[in-house]
Amino acid sequence: MSTSSLVPYPASKRALDKGVAAALLLALSPVFAIVLGGIGVDMLVARRDRGPVLYRERRISRGREFDLLKFRTLRRDVLAQAAGPEAHARLLEAEPANLTWAGRRILKPWYLDELPQLYNVLRGDMSLVGPRPWPPSMVATQVAKGLGYRNEVVAGWTGPAQVQKGVTEPAGYAELDSAYVDECRTRSGLRLVSLDLAILWQTVKVMARGEGLQY
């Protein structure tokens, strides 16, 4: 992949990512404590829900692989089905019976399983806003269809497709992502920050409904 095809990641957007991610990790520390407490109680009561608190999946961001962090929502026996060089639990999470009690009642409805990715943002693996990071094989399939933007832009914790729950059909996600990537190519750094802030605010409103985000 040519470096000339990479979508700019301006200093203002990078500063927003680092600053907001750090502030959220601090401000949400009570939420992290509640989540960890709920997971702990769940594992104490339900043997089948026991297992690691976090799990990692290989994903792509701007053409580079990294370990995406998530709170575990799947039962350990179910998670074993996704084990391998390229684990991808998303399809298994669609079935409520596969989820732990904490995953079903606490994590998925409020999008809290994605909170550890704030650390990914601080590390520079991701941005706060952008197309969601996909596993390498899914990115390769999308590239084969002529959509290579996931190899060109920094992946996001949330994005324009994620805040369209109940509005946009899945077929429209690529169009929403592509439109955002076009904005990244053409907007100045400060105008891009204003767009990201608007998407972050929409994300907060979707999360407040307790329905989970599409991703």
N, C-alpha and C. Protein backbone atom coordinates (compact mmCIF):
# COMPACT_ATOMS: atom_id res chain seq x y z
N MET A 1 0.84 -1.19 0.00
CA MET A 1 0.00 0.00 0.00
C MET A 1 0.88 1.24 0.00
N SER A 2 0.61 2.15 -0.88
CA SER A 2 1.38 3.38 -0.99
C SER A 2 1.03 4.33 0.14
N THR A 3 2.06 5.01 0.69
CA THR A 3 1.81 5.98 1.75
C THR A 3 0.99 7.15 1.23
N SER A 4 1.02 7.39 -0.08
CA SER A 4 0.25 8.50 -0.65
C SER A 4 -1.24 8.25 -0.57
N SER A 5 -1.66 6.98 -0.40
CA SER A 5 -3.08 6.67 -0.32
C SER A 5 -3.62 6.80 1.10
N LEU A 6 -2.74 6.98 2.08
CA LEU A 6 -3.19 7.08 3.46
C LEU A 6 -3.96 8.38 3.68
N VAL A 7 -5.06 8.27 4.42
CA VAL A 7 -5.88 9.45 4.74
C VAL A 7 -5.18 10.23 5.85
N PRO A 8 -5.07 11.55 5.71
CA PRO A 8 -4.40 12.36 6.74
C PRO A 8 -5.01 12.15 8.13
N TYR A 9 -4.16 12.18 9.13
CA TYR A 9 -4.57 12.10 10.53
C TYR A 9 -4.01 13.34 11.20
N PRO A 10 -4.70 14.49 11.07
CA PRO A 10 -4.15 15.78 11.49
C PRO A 10 -3.90 15.85 12.99
N ALA A 11 -2.99 16.75 13.37
CA ALA A 11 -2.61 16.90 14.77
C ALA A 11 -3.79 17.28 15.65
N SER A 12 -4.72 18.07 15.11
CA SER A 12 -5.88 18.48 15.91
C SER A 12 -6.79 17.29 16.24
N LYS A 13 -6.98 16.40 15.28
CA LYS A 13 -7.78 15.19 15.53
C LYS A 13 -7.06 14.27 16.50
N ARG A 14 -5.74 14.15 16.34
CA ARG A 14 -4.95 13.32 17.24
C ARG A 14 -5.03 13.87 18.67
N ALA A 15 -4.95 15.20 18.80
CA ALA A 15 -5.03 15.82 20.13
C ALA A 15 -6.40 15.58 20.76
N LEU A 16 -7.47 15.69 19.94
CA LEU A 16 -8.82 15.40 20.44
C LEU A 16 -8.89 13.96 20.94
N ASP A 17 -8.37 13.03 20.15
CA ASP A 17 -8.41 11.62 20.53
C ASP A 17 -7.72 11.38 21.87
N LYS A 18 -6.50 11.87 22.01
CA LYS A 18 -5.73 11.63 23.23
C LYS A 18 -6.39 12.31 24.43
N GLY A 19 -6.79 13.58 24.23
CA GLY A 19 -7.35 14.33 25.35
C GLY A 19 -8.67 13.77 25.83
N VAL A 20 -9.58 13.49 24.90
CA VAL A 20 -10.90 12.98 25.29
C VAL A 20 -10.79 11.55 25.83
N ALA A 21 -9.95 10.72 25.23
CA ALA A 21 -9.80 9.35 25.73
C ALA A 21 -9.26 9.35 27.16
N ALA A 22 -8.26 10.19 27.43
CA ALA A 22 -7.71 10.27 28.79
C ALA A 22 -8.76 10.79 29.77
N ALA A 23 -9.51 11.83 29.35
CA ALA A 23 -10.55 12.39 30.23
C ALA A 23 -11.65 11.37 30.50
N LEU A 24 -12.04 10.61 29.47
CA LEU A 24 -13.09 9.61 29.65
C LEU A 24 -12.63 8.48 30.56
N LEU A 25 -11.38 8.04 30.41
CA LEU A 25 -10.88 6.98 31.28
C LEU A 25 -10.92 7.43 32.73
N LEU A 26 -10.59 8.69 32.98
CA LEU A 26 -10.63 9.22 34.34
C LEU A 26 -12.07 9.39 34.82
N ALA A 27 -12.90 10.03 33.99
CA ALA A 27 -14.28 10.32 34.40
C ALA A 27 -15.11 9.05 34.56
N LEU A 28 -14.79 8.04 33.75
CA LEU A 28 -15.58 6.80 33.78
C LEU A 28 -15.00 5.75 34.71
N SER A 29 -14.02 6.12 35.51
CA SER A 29 -13.43 5.14 36.43
C SER A 29 -14.48 4.51 37.34
N PRO A 30 -15.51 5.26 37.83
CA PRO A 30 -16.57 4.58 38.60
C PRO A 30 -17.34 3.57 37.78
N VAL A 31 -17.54 3.87 36.48
CA VAL A 31 -18.24 2.93 35.61
C VAL A 31 -17.42 1.66 35.43
N PHE A 32 -16.11 1.83 35.23
CA PHE A 32 -15.23 0.66 35.14
C PHE A 32 -15.34 -0.18 36.41
N ALA A 33 -15.38 0.48 37.57
CA ALA A 33 -15.48 -0.25 38.83
C ALA A 33 -16.79 -1.03 38.92
N ILE A 34 -17.89 -0.40 38.48
CA ILE A 34 -19.19 -1.07 38.50
C ILE A 34 -19.19 -2.26 37.55
N VAL A 35 -18.63 -2.05 36.34
CA VAL A 35 -18.57 -3.14 35.36
C VAL A 35 -17.75 -4.31 35.91
N LEU A 36 -16.58 -4.01 36.44
CA LEU A 36 -15.74 -5.07 36.98
C LEU A 36 -16.41 -5.77 38.15
N GLY A 37 -17.13 -5.01 38.97
CA GLY A 37 -17.86 -5.62 40.07
C GLY A 37 -18.96 -6.54 39.57
N GLY A 38 -19.71 -6.07 38.55
CA GLY A 38 -20.76 -6.91 37.99
C GLY A 38 -20.23 -8.18 37.36
N ILE A 39 -19.12 -8.05 36.63
CA ILE A 39 -18.50 -9.23 36.02
C ILE A 39 -18.03 -10.20 37.09
N GLY A 40 -17.44 -9.64 38.17
CA GLY A 40 -16.94 -10.49 39.25
C GLY A 40 -18.06 -11.25 39.93
N VAL A 41 -19.16 -10.58 40.22
CA VAL A 41 -20.30 -11.25 40.86
C VAL A 41 -20.88 -12.31 39.93
N ASP A 42 -20.98 -11.98 38.65
CA ASP A 42 -21.49 -12.94 37.67
C ASP A 42 -20.65 -14.21 37.66
N MET A 43 -19.32 -14.04 37.62
CA MET A 43 -18.45 -15.21 37.56
C MET A 43 -18.48 -16.00 38.87
N LEU A 44 -18.73 -15.31 39.98
CA LEU A 44 -18.81 -15.99 41.27
C LEU A 44 -20.06 -16.85 41.35
N VAL A 45 -21.17 -16.34 40.79
CA VAL A 45 -22.45 -17.04 40.88
C VAL A 45 -22.64 -18.07 39.78
N ALA A 46 -22.25 -17.73 38.57
CA ALA A 46 -22.49 -18.62 37.42
C ALA A 46 -21.17 -19.21 36.93
N ARG A 47 -20.99 -20.49 37.12
CA ARG A 47 -19.73 -21.14 36.74
C ARG A 47 -19.47 -21.04 35.24
N ARG A 48 -20.51 -21.14 34.43
CA ARG A 48 -20.32 -21.14 32.98
C ARG A 48 -19.89 -19.76 32.46
N ASP A 49 -20.05 -18.72 33.29
CA ASP A 49 -19.68 -17.37 32.87
C ASP A 49 -18.24 -17.02 33.25
N ARG A 50 -17.54 -17.93 33.90
CA ARG A 50 -16.19 -17.64 34.35
C ARG A 50 -15.21 -17.62 33.18
N GLY A 51 -14.16 -16.82 33.34
CA GLY A 51 -13.15 -16.71 32.30
C GLY A 51 -12.44 -15.37 32.41
N PRO A 52 -11.61 -15.03 31.44
CA PRO A 52 -10.89 -13.75 31.48
C PRO A 52 -11.84 -12.56 31.40
N VAL A 53 -11.49 -11.49 32.06
CA VAL A 53 -12.31 -10.28 32.02
C VAL A 53 -12.21 -9.61 30.66
N LEU A 54 -11.00 -9.58 30.11
CA LEU A 54 -10.76 -8.96 28.80
C LEU A 54 -10.45 -10.01 27.76
N TYR A 55 -10.72 -9.70 26.50
CA TYR A 55 -10.17 -10.51 25.42
C TYR A 55 -9.75 -9.60 24.28
N ARG A 56 -8.90 -10.15 23.43
CA ARG A 56 -8.29 -9.38 22.35
C ARG A 56 -8.63 -9.99 21.00
N GLU A 57 -8.80 -9.12 20.02
CA GLU A 57 -9.03 -9.57 18.65
C GLU A 57 -8.13 -8.78 17.72
N ARG A 58 -7.56 -9.46 16.71
CA ARG A 58 -6.73 -8.78 15.73
C ARG A 58 -7.60 -7.99 14.77
N ARG A 59 -7.31 -6.72 14.62
CA ARG A 59 -8.06 -5.85 13.74
C ARG A 59 -7.10 -4.99 12.92
N ILE A 60 -7.67 -4.30 11.93
CA ILE A 60 -6.90 -3.45 11.02
C ILE A 60 -7.25 -1.98 11.25
N SER A 61 -6.23 -1.14 11.34
CA SER A 61 -6.41 0.30 11.41
C SER A 61 -5.34 0.96 10.55
N ARG A 62 -5.77 1.63 9.51
CA ARG A 62 -4.86 2.30 8.56
C ARG A 62 -3.81 1.33 8.02
N GLY A 63 -4.27 0.11 7.72
CA GLY A 63 -3.40 -0.89 7.12
C GLY A 63 -2.52 -1.65 8.09
N ARG A 64 -2.65 -1.37 9.40
CA ARG A 64 -1.78 -2.01 10.38
C ARG A 64 -2.62 -2.87 11.33
N GLU A 65 -2.13 -4.06 11.66
CA GLU A 65 -2.83 -4.93 12.60
C GLU A 65 -2.52 -4.51 14.03
N PHE A 66 -3.54 -4.64 14.89
CA PHE A 66 -3.35 -4.38 16.32
C PHE A 66 -4.33 -5.24 17.11
N ASP A 67 -4.12 -5.31 18.42
CA ASP A 67 -5.00 -6.07 19.30
C ASP A 67 -6.09 -5.16 19.85
N LEU A 68 -7.32 -5.39 19.41
CA LEU A 68 -8.47 -4.65 19.91
C LEU A 68 -8.86 -5.21 21.28
N LEU A 69 -9.09 -4.34 22.25
CA LEU A 69 -9.44 -4.77 23.60
C LEU A 69 -10.95 -4.65 23.82
N LYS A 70 -11.53 -5.64 24.49
CA LYS A 70 -12.95 -5.61 24.83
C LYS A 70 -13.15 -6.31 26.16
N PHE A 71 -14.17 -5.88 26.91
CA PHE A 71 -14.62 -6.70 28.03
C PHE A 71 -15.29 -7.94 27.45
N ARG A 72 -15.00 -9.08 28.01
CA ARG A 72 -15.58 -10.33 27.52
C ARG A 72 -17.08 -10.37 27.79
N THR A 73 -17.85 -10.63 26.75
CA THR A 73 -19.30 -10.75 26.87
C THR A 73 -19.78 -12.19 26.65
N LEU A 74 -18.95 -13.03 26.07
CA LEU A 74 -19.34 -14.40 25.73
C LEU A 74 -18.93 -15.38 26.82
N ARG A 75 -19.75 -16.41 26.99
CA ARG A 75 -19.36 -17.49 27.87
C ARG A 75 -18.06 -18.11 27.36
N ARG A 76 -17.28 -18.66 28.27
CA ARG A 76 -15.97 -19.18 27.89
C ARG A 76 -16.08 -20.30 26.85
N ASP A 77 -17.07 -21.19 26.97
CA ASP A 77 -17.21 -22.28 26.01
C ASP A 77 -17.58 -21.75 24.63
N VAL A 78 -18.36 -20.68 24.59
CA VAL A 78 -18.73 -20.08 23.32
C VAL A 78 -17.55 -19.34 22.71
N LEU A 79 -16.80 -18.63 23.55
CA LEU A 79 -15.64 -17.88 23.07
C LEU A 79 -14.61 -18.81 22.45
N ALA A 80 -14.55 -20.05 22.94
CA ALA A 80 -13.60 -21.02 22.38
C ALA A 80 -13.90 -21.30 20.91
N GLN A 81 -15.17 -21.12 20.51
CA GLN A 81 -15.53 -21.34 19.11
C GLN A 81 -14.92 -20.29 18.19
N ALA A 82 -14.61 -19.12 18.77
CA ALA A 82 -14.03 -18.04 17.97
C ALA A 82 -12.52 -18.00 18.08
N ALA A 83 -11.95 -18.96 18.80
CA ALA A 83 -10.50 -18.97 19.00
C ALA A 83 -9.78 -19.26 17.69
N GLY A 84 -8.56 -18.77 17.59
CA GLY A 84 -7.77 -18.99 16.38
C GLY A 84 -6.92 -17.78 16.07
N PRO A 85 -6.20 -17.83 14.96
CA PRO A 85 -5.34 -16.70 14.61
C PRO A 85 -6.10 -15.42 14.35
N GLU A 86 -7.40 -15.54 14.04
CA GLU A 86 -8.20 -14.35 13.77
C GLU A 86 -9.56 -14.50 14.44
N ALA A 87 -9.59 -14.32 15.76
CA ALA A 87 -10.84 -14.43 16.49
C ALA A 87 -11.76 -13.27 16.12
N HIS A 88 -13.05 -13.59 16.05
CA HIS A 88 -14.05 -12.55 15.75
C HIS A 88 -15.35 -12.97 16.42
N ALA A 89 -15.63 -12.37 17.57
CA ALA A 89 -16.76 -12.80 18.40
C ALA A 89 -18.07 -12.15 18.01
N ARG A 90 -18.05 -11.19 17.11
CA ARG A 90 -19.24 -10.38 16.84
C ARG A 90 -20.44 -11.22 16.44
N LEU A 91 -20.27 -12.19 15.54
CA LEU A 91 -21.40 -12.99 15.10
C LEU A 91 -21.97 -13.82 16.24
N LEU A 92 -21.10 -14.30 17.13
CA LEU A 92 -21.56 -15.09 18.27
C LEU A 92 -22.30 -14.22 19.28
N GLU A 93 -21.94 -12.95 19.36
CA GLU A 93 -22.59 -12.04 20.30
C GLU A 93 -24.03 -11.73 19.89
N ALA A 94 -24.37 -11.97 18.65
CA ALA A 94 -25.73 -11.67 18.19
C ALA A 94 -26.77 -12.60 18.80
N GLU A 95 -26.32 -13.74 19.34
CA GLU A 95 -27.24 -14.70 19.97
C GLU A 95 -27.20 -14.50 21.49
N PRO A 96 -28.29 -14.01 22.09
CA PRO A 96 -28.28 -13.73 23.53
C PRO A 96 -27.89 -14.92 24.40
N ALA A 97 -28.22 -16.12 23.97
CA ALA A 97 -27.89 -17.31 24.76
C ALA A 97 -26.39 -17.53 24.89
N ASN A 98 -25.61 -16.92 23.99
CA ASN A 98 -24.15 -17.08 24.05
C ASN A 98 -23.50 -16.14 25.06
N LEU A 99 -24.26 -15.14 25.51
CA LEU A 99 -23.69 -14.11 26.36
C LEU A 99 -23.69 -14.51 27.83
N THR A 100 -22.72 -13.98 28.57
CA THR A 100 -22.76 -14.10 30.01
C THR A 100 -23.89 -13.22 30.54
N TRP A 101 -24.23 -13.41 31.82
CA TRP A 101 -25.27 -12.55 32.39
C TRP A 101 -24.82 -11.11 32.34
N ALA A 102 -23.57 -10.83 32.70
CA ALA A 102 -23.05 -9.47 32.68
C ALA A 102 -23.03 -8.92 31.26
N GLY A 103 -22.69 -9.76 30.30
CA GLY A 103 -22.68 -9.32 28.91
C GLY A 103 -24.05 -8.95 28.43
N ARG A 104 -25.04 -9.74 28.83
CA ARG A 104 -26.42 -9.53 28.36
C ARG A 104 -27.09 -8.36 29.06
N ARG A 105 -26.85 -8.21 30.36
CA ARG A 105 -27.57 -7.23 31.17
C ARG A 105 -26.84 -5.90 31.35
N ILE A 106 -25.52 -5.93 31.31
CA ILE A 106 -24.74 -4.73 31.63
C ILE A 106 -23.94 -4.22 30.43
N LEU A 107 -23.18 -5.12 29.81
CA LEU A 107 -22.20 -4.67 28.82
C LEU A 107 -22.80 -4.31 27.47
N LYS A 108 -23.53 -5.23 26.84
CA LYS A 108 -24.00 -4.99 25.48
C LYS A 108 -25.05 -3.88 25.38
N PRO A 109 -26.05 -3.80 26.27
CA PRO A 109 -27.06 -2.75 26.11
C PRO A 109 -26.48 -1.34 26.16
N TRP A 110 -25.41 -1.17 26.94
CA TRP A 110 -24.86 0.17 27.14
C TRP A 110 -23.54 0.38 26.42
N TYR A 111 -23.17 -0.58 25.55
CA TYR A 111 -21.94 -0.43 24.76
C TYR A 111 -20.69 -0.46 25.64
N LEU A 112 -20.82 -0.97 26.87
CA LEU A 112 -19.71 -0.89 27.83
C LEU A 112 -18.60 -1.89 27.53
N ASP A 113 -18.89 -2.91 26.73
CA ASP A 113 -17.82 -3.86 26.40
C ASP A 113 -16.74 -3.20 25.56
N GLU A 114 -17.07 -2.05 24.93
CA GLU A 114 -16.10 -1.36 24.09
C GLU A 114 -15.23 -0.35 24.86
N LEU A 115 -15.51 -0.12 26.14
CA LEU A 115 -14.77 0.89 26.90
C LEU A 115 -13.26 0.66 26.94
N PRO A 116 -12.76 -0.58 27.03
CA PRO A 116 -11.31 -0.75 27.04
C PRO A 116 -10.61 -0.22 25.79
N GLN A 117 -11.38 0.01 24.73
CA GLN A 117 -10.75 0.54 23.51
C GLN A 117 -10.30 1.99 23.67
N LEU A 118 -10.73 2.65 24.74
CA LEU A 118 -10.17 3.97 25.03
C LEU A 118 -8.66 3.87 25.23
N TYR A 119 -8.22 2.74 25.77
CA TYR A 119 -6.78 2.51 25.91
C TYR A 119 -6.15 2.34 24.53
N ASN A 120 -6.84 1.67 23.61
CA ASN A 120 -6.36 1.57 22.22
C ASN A 120 -6.20 2.95 21.60
N VAL A 121 -7.15 3.85 21.91
CA VAL A 121 -7.07 5.22 21.38
C VAL A 121 -5.84 5.93 21.96
N LEU A 122 -5.63 5.79 23.26
CA LEU A 122 -4.46 6.42 23.89
C LEU A 122 -3.16 5.90 23.30
N ARG A 123 -3.12 4.62 22.97
CA ARG A 123 -1.92 4.02 22.39
C ARG A 123 -1.69 4.45 20.95
N GLY A 124 -2.71 5.00 20.32
CA GLY A 124 -2.58 5.39 18.93
C GLY A 124 -3.03 4.33 17.95
N ASP A 125 -3.60 3.22 18.44
CA ASP A 125 -4.10 2.17 17.55
C ASP A 125 -5.33 2.64 16.78
N MET A 126 -6.14 3.49 17.43
CA MET A 126 -7.43 3.90 16.89
C MET A 126 -7.63 5.39 17.12
N SER A 127 -8.66 5.91 16.47
CA SER A 127 -9.17 7.25 16.73
C SER A 127 -10.48 7.11 17.49
N LEU A 128 -10.98 8.19 18.05
CA LEU A 128 -12.30 8.15 18.65
C LEU A 128 -13.38 7.94 17.60
N VAL A 129 -13.19 8.54 16.43
CA VAL A 129 -14.20 8.49 15.36
C VAL A 129 -13.56 8.00 14.07
N GLY A 130 -14.24 7.10 13.40
CA GLY A 130 -13.78 6.55 12.14
C GLY A 130 -14.51 5.27 11.84
N PRO A 131 -14.24 4.64 10.71
CA PRO A 131 -14.83 3.33 10.43
C PRO A 131 -14.38 2.33 11.48
N ARG A 132 -15.27 1.48 11.93
CA ARG A 132 -14.90 0.50 12.94
C ARG A 132 -13.81 -0.43 12.40
N PRO A 133 -12.86 -0.84 13.26
CA PRO A 133 -11.79 -1.75 12.81
C PRO A 133 -12.33 -3.16 12.56
N TRP A 134 -11.98 -3.72 11.44
CA TRP A 134 -12.42 -5.07 11.07
C TRP A 134 -11.26 -6.05 11.13
N PRO A 135 -11.56 -7.36 11.25
CA PRO A 135 -10.51 -8.37 11.19
C PRO A 135 -9.84 -8.38 9.81
N PRO A 136 -8.58 -8.83 9.73
CA PRO A 136 -7.85 -8.80 8.46
C PRO A 136 -8.56 -9.48 7.30
N SER A 137 -9.16 -10.65 7.53
CA SER A 137 -9.80 -11.37 6.42
C SER A 137 -11.01 -10.61 5.89
N MET A 138 -11.76 -9.97 6.78
CA MET A 138 -12.92 -9.20 6.34
C MET A 138 -12.48 -7.95 5.58
N VAL A 139 -11.37 -7.35 6.01
CA VAL A 139 -10.83 -6.19 5.28
C VAL A 139 -10.40 -6.63 3.89
N ALA A 140 -9.73 -7.80 3.80
CA ALA A 140 -9.28 -8.30 2.51
C ALA A 140 -10.46 -8.54 1.58
N THR A 141 -11.56 -9.08 2.11
CA THR A 141 -12.76 -9.31 1.30
C THR A 141 -13.34 -8.00 0.81
N GLN A 142 -13.35 -6.99 1.69
CA GLN A 142 -13.87 -5.69 1.29
C GLN A 142 -12.98 -5.03 0.23
N VAL A 143 -11.66 -5.19 0.39
CA VAL A 143 -10.73 -4.64 -0.59
C VAL A 143 -10.96 -5.29 -1.96
N ALA A 144 -11.20 -6.61 -1.95
CA ALA A 144 -11.45 -7.32 -3.21
C ALA A 144 -12.70 -6.79 -3.92
N LYS A 145 -13.60 -6.18 -3.16
CA LYS A 145 -14.81 -5.58 -3.74
C LYS A 145 -14.59 -4.13 -4.14
N GLY A 146 -13.35 -3.66 -3.99
CA GLY A 146 -13.03 -2.30 -4.41
C GLY A 146 -13.11 -1.25 -3.32
N LEU A 147 -13.29 -1.68 -2.05
CA LEU A 147 -13.38 -0.74 -0.94
C LEU A 147 -12.16 -0.91 -0.04
N GLY A 148 -11.16 -0.06 -0.26
CA GLY A 148 -9.91 -0.21 0.48
C GLY A 148 -9.72 0.80 1.58
N TYR A 149 -10.78 1.52 1.96
CA TYR A 149 -10.60 2.64 2.90
C TYR A 149 -10.14 2.20 4.28
N ARG A 150 -10.43 0.96 4.70
CA ARG A 150 -10.00 0.52 6.03
C ARG A 150 -8.48 0.36 6.12
N ASN A 151 -7.82 0.25 4.98
CA ASN A 151 -6.36 0.23 4.96
C ASN A 151 -5.77 1.63 4.85
N GLU A 152 -6.63 2.63 4.72
CA GLU A 152 -6.14 3.99 4.46
C GLU A 152 -6.42 4.96 5.59
N VAL A 153 -7.41 4.67 6.44
CA VAL A 153 -7.83 5.61 7.47
C VAL A 153 -7.71 4.96 8.85
N VAL A 154 -7.46 5.79 9.86
CA VAL A 154 -7.40 5.29 11.23
C VAL A 154 -8.79 4.84 11.67
N ALA A 155 -8.89 3.62 12.17
CA ALA A 155 -10.18 3.07 12.60
C ALA A 155 -10.70 3.83 13.81
N GLY A 156 -12.02 3.72 14.05
CA GLY A 156 -12.64 4.50 15.11
C GLY A 156 -13.31 3.67 16.19
N TRP A 157 -13.37 4.25 17.37
CA TRP A 157 -14.11 3.68 18.50
C TRP A 157 -15.61 3.73 18.21
N THR A 158 -16.03 4.81 17.57
CA THR A 158 -17.38 4.93 17.05
C THR A 158 -17.29 5.63 15.70
N GLY A 159 -18.41 5.74 15.02
CA GLY A 159 -18.36 6.35 13.69
C GLY A 159 -19.76 6.65 13.18
N PRO A 160 -19.85 7.20 11.98
CA PRO A 160 -21.15 7.58 11.43
C PRO A 160 -22.10 6.41 11.27
N ALA A 161 -21.58 5.23 11.00
CA ALA A 161 -22.46 4.06 10.84
C ALA A 161 -23.00 3.58 12.19
N GLN A 162 -22.23 3.78 13.26
CA GLN A 162 -22.61 3.25 14.57
C GLN A 162 -23.74 4.05 15.21
N VAL A 163 -23.93 5.29 14.81
CA VAL A 163 -24.96 6.12 15.45
C VAL A 163 -26.26 6.11 14.65
N GLN A 164 -26.38 5.18 13.69
CA GLN A 164 -27.59 5.10 12.86
C GLN A 164 -28.48 3.95 13.26
N LYS A 165 -28.38 3.48 14.51
CA LYS A 165 -29.18 2.35 14.96
C LYS A 165 -30.66 2.62 14.73
N GLY A 166 -31.30 1.69 14.02
CA GLY A 166 -32.71 1.82 13.74
C GLY A 166 -33.03 2.76 12.60
N VAL A 167 -31.97 3.32 11.96
CA VAL A 167 -32.19 4.28 10.88
C VAL A 167 -31.66 3.74 9.56
N THR A 168 -30.42 3.23 9.59
CA THR A 168 -29.75 2.81 8.36
C THR A 168 -29.65 1.30 8.29
N GLU A 169 -29.97 0.73 7.14
CA GLU A 169 -29.81 -0.69 6.93
C GLU A 169 -28.32 -1.03 6.79
N PRO A 170 -27.93 -2.28 7.14
CA PRO A 170 -26.52 -2.65 7.06
C PRO A 170 -25.87 -2.37 5.71
N ALA A 171 -26.64 -2.46 4.63
CA ALA A 171 -26.07 -2.23 3.30
C ALA A 171 -25.55 -0.82 3.15
N GLY A 172 -26.01 0.10 4.00
CA GLY A 172 -25.60 1.48 3.89
C GLY A 172 -24.36 1.84 4.70
N TYR A 173 -23.82 0.89 5.47
CA TYR A 173 -22.70 1.21 6.34
C TYR A 173 -21.46 1.62 5.55
N ALA A 174 -21.18 0.93 4.47
CA ALA A 174 -20.00 1.26 3.67
C ALA A 174 -20.11 2.66 3.09
N GLU A 175 -21.32 3.04 2.68
CA GLU A 175 -21.53 4.37 2.15
C GLU A 175 -21.28 5.44 3.22
N LEU A 176 -21.76 5.19 4.45
CA LEU A 176 -21.55 6.13 5.54
C LEU A 176 -20.07 6.25 5.87
N ASP A 177 -19.39 5.10 5.94
CA ASP A 177 -17.96 5.12 6.22
C ASP A 177 -17.19 5.86 5.12
N SER A 178 -17.53 5.55 3.88
CA SER A 178 -16.83 6.18 2.75
C SER A 178 -17.03 7.69 2.75
N ALA A 179 -18.25 8.13 3.09
CA ALA A 179 -18.52 9.56 3.15
C ALA A 179 -17.68 10.22 4.23
N TYR A 180 -17.52 9.54 5.36
CA TYR A 180 -16.69 10.10 6.44
C TYR A 180 -15.22 10.17 6.01
N VAL A 181 -14.75 9.13 5.33
CA VAL A 181 -13.37 9.12 4.84
C VAL A 181 -13.14 10.28 3.87
N ASP A 182 -14.13 10.54 3.01
CA ASP A 182 -14.02 11.68 2.09
C ASP A 182 -13.90 12.99 2.86
N GLU A 183 -14.65 13.10 3.96
CA GLU A 183 -14.56 14.30 4.80
C GLU A 183 -13.16 14.43 5.40
N CYS A 184 -12.59 13.29 5.80
CA CYS A 184 -11.23 13.31 6.36
C CYS A 184 -10.21 13.78 5.33
N ARG A 185 -10.45 13.48 4.07
CA ARG A 185 -9.52 13.89 3.01
C ARG A 185 -9.64 15.37 2.68
N THR A 186 -10.82 15.94 2.86
CA THR A 186 -11.06 17.29 2.36
C THR A 186 -11.19 18.37 3.44
N ARG A 187 -11.59 17.99 4.65
CA ARG A 187 -11.77 18.98 5.70
C ARG A 187 -10.43 19.39 6.32
N SER A 188 -10.37 20.62 6.80
CA SER A 188 -9.22 21.04 7.59
C SER A 188 -9.28 20.34 8.94
N GLY A 189 -8.17 20.38 9.67
CA GLY A 189 -8.11 19.70 10.96
C GLY A 189 -9.19 20.14 11.92
N LEU A 190 -9.41 21.44 12.05
CA LEU A 190 -10.40 21.95 13.01
C LEU A 190 -11.82 21.61 12.58
N ARG A 191 -12.09 21.65 11.28
CA ARG A 191 -13.44 21.30 10.80
C ARG A 191 -13.69 19.80 10.97
N LEU A 192 -12.65 19.01 10.86
CA LEU A 192 -12.79 17.57 11.11
C LEU A 192 -13.06 17.30 12.59
N VAL A 193 -12.41 18.05 13.46
CA VAL A 193 -12.66 17.93 14.90
C VAL A 193 -14.12 18.25 15.21
N SER A 194 -14.68 19.28 14.57
CA SER A 194 -16.08 19.63 14.82
C SER A 194 -17.01 18.51 14.37
N LEU A 195 -16.68 17.85 13.26
CA LEU A 195 -17.47 16.71 12.80
C LEU A 195 -17.37 15.55 13.79
N ASP A 196 -16.16 15.29 14.27
CA ASP A 196 -15.98 14.20 15.24
C ASP A 196 -16.75 14.46 16.52
N LEU A 197 -16.74 15.70 16.98
CA LEU A 197 -17.47 16.04 18.21
C LEU A 197 -18.97 15.82 18.01
N ALA A 198 -19.47 16.13 16.84
CA ALA A 198 -20.90 15.92 16.57
C ALA A 198 -21.23 14.42 16.59
N ILE A 199 -20.36 13.60 16.02
CA ILE A 199 -20.59 12.15 16.02
C ILE A 199 -20.47 11.58 17.43
N LEU A 200 -19.53 12.09 18.21
CA LEU A 200 -19.40 11.64 19.60
C LEU A 200 -20.66 11.98 20.39
N TRP A 201 -21.23 13.16 20.15
CA TRP A 201 -22.45 13.54 20.85
C TRP A 201 -23.62 12.63 20.43
N GLN A 202 -23.69 12.30 19.15
CA GLN A 202 -24.73 11.37 18.70
C GLN A 202 -24.53 10.01 19.36
N THR A 203 -23.28 9.60 19.53
CA THR A 203 -22.98 8.33 20.18
C THR A 203 -23.49 8.31 21.61
N VAL A 204 -23.26 9.40 22.33
CA VAL A 204 -23.75 9.51 23.71
C VAL A 204 -25.26 9.35 23.76
N LYS A 205 -25.98 9.96 22.82
CA LYS A 205 -27.43 9.89 22.80
C LYS A 205 -27.92 8.47 22.52
N VAL A 206 -27.24 7.76 21.61
CA VAL A 206 -27.62 6.38 21.33
C VAL A 206 -27.36 5.49 22.54
N MET A 207 -26.20 5.69 23.18
CA MET A 207 -25.87 4.90 24.37
C MET A 207 -26.87 5.14 25.48
N ALA A 208 -27.33 6.39 25.61
CA ALA A 208 -28.27 6.73 26.69
C ALA A 208 -29.61 6.00 26.54
N ARG A 209 -29.91 5.55 25.32
CA ARG A 209 -31.16 4.81 25.12
C ARG A 209 -31.04 3.37 25.59
N GLY A 210 -29.81 2.93 25.90
CA GLY A 210 -29.62 1.59 26.43
C GLY A 210 -29.91 0.47 25.46
N GLU A 211 -29.76 0.74 24.17
CA GLU A 211 -30.07 -0.25 23.16
C GLU A 211 -28.81 -0.84 22.52
N GLY A 212 -27.65 -0.35 22.90
CA GLY A 212 -26.42 -0.79 22.29
C GLY A 212 -26.23 -0.12 20.95
N LEU A 213 -24.99 -0.13 20.46
CA LEU A 213 -24.69 0.45 19.15
C LEU A 213 -24.52 -0.64 18.12
N GLN A 214 -24.83 -0.33 16.87
CA GLN A 214 -24.53 -1.22 15.77
C GLN A 214 -23.05 -1.03 15.43
N TYR A 215 -22.31 -2.14 15.28
CA TYR A 215 -20.89 -2.00 14.92
C TYR A 215 -20.41 -3.23 14.21
